[in-house]
Amino acid sequence: MWRRRRGRVAQWRRALLHAASGAWGRVTADIWPVVQQTAAASAAWLIARHLVDHRLPFFAPIAAVVALNAARGERGVNAVRLLLGVVVGILAADAAVAVLHHGYGALTAATFAAMLIALTLGGERIVIAQAAVSAILAVTVGGAAGPQRLTEALIGAGVALLFSQLVFPAEPVLLLRRAEAAALTDLIDLLRHTAQALERNDQTLNDPVAQHLSISRDTLSDLAHARLRSSAIARHSPLWWGRGSTVLRECHDAGRLDLLGMSCLMLARIATAHRVGDSRELAKGAPAVRELAAILETLACAPEDHDTRQRAAQRALGLIRRQEASDTTRDPRPTAIHMAVQMTAIDVIAFAGVDPATAVDAARQARTTPDQSPDLQVRAPPSTPLTRLRRRRPGPGR
């Protein structure tokens, strides 16, 4: 009886600690945007209350918070969308009131027309919502509600644009590096589970690999989205207008990681699809898959470090060389895994900073003349003042 209670208490304690750890992680990850939104709301309220002399300027701080409540790289666009929705709603309300006067018919017509126009202008959810809300307020409250809401929307959106583009602009290279690190972390987990599946030849391990396949696809999709947001920052933020080439290079490197991720997905799929029959030949591919995971782990820890990328490229080339020397089987299943490992290793070399054509040539040379080691020239990754500052900070264990 007491053992059961102690077991339940221990289980509850672990669950509580896990929940607390997750909550603390979310707070530490997003506390800075919350501080920015709080400051923007306060600034918008002060401007509307004391400069424009609105008695109850409730919408100005709301507009600032809503506009900044978006992912980094999308906050400026979010502010413009909010303002667009407000303008559409007010115009729709004015037209409805002019024709139908105040009443249920005007409210219905204004709301429907505002949302319909917002749909034709792109269908963004924030535009639709703000258009509908502005139309409803303008019809029901009447009088100066429309112009006052427009003025406060201009104030809130203006403060949001000031914060997002000039005062606290997102750092596009760091934004991409975080997305790259997240994608690499999930690919590492995928490769480790794949290696475990190859070693054990256990069909029950299909489910964990399939789960990590799905997770890795999602993080690669997030990486593609981060590339778009980083490009938008470089185009829209005045602080980045003169450094667009740096962002472009990092976006190009992130594209190489996307190809590397596809190779990892293919490797995991091949490994789990063919685990039948004799497992000894298939298990020979497990060390190579684990080595790939270890190489990606070094890249995930310091993607901005040139020496780390150089070592990763050389390790990947060495893996290709060892794979070729140990390939003596004619079984098509391990041969398929062998080819997938080599393709993944080539993509690692390209992501590290070697020209893709050079990476293919180096892999071919490593297969045909294993005694000769090509000298891989890894170009230095793009850097900005913030990335250089982060590089100088001592990391854990350093």
Foldseek 3Di string as FASTA:
>chain_A
DVVVVVVVVVVVVVVVVVVVVVVVVVCVVCVVLVVLLVVLLVVLVCCCCPVVNDPCLPVLSVLQNQLSPDDALCSLVSLVLLLLLLVLQLVLLVVLCVVPNADPRSLVRSLVRSLVVQVVVPNDPSSNVNSNVNNNCCRPVPDCSSVSNSVSSCSSSVSSCCCCQPVPDDDLLVLLLVLLLVLLVLLLVLLLLLLVCLQVLDLVSPVVNVVSLVVNVVSLVVSVVSLVSSLSSLVPHPVNVVPNVQSVQSSVLSVLVSVLSVLSSVLSVLSNVPSDDDSPLSNVLSVLSNLLSVLSVLCSVCVQDLVSLQVSLQSLLVSLLVLLVPPDDPDVSSVVSSVSSNSSSLSSNVSSAFPSVVSVVQSVCCNPPVVDHDRTDHDRRRDDVVSVVVVPDDDPPD
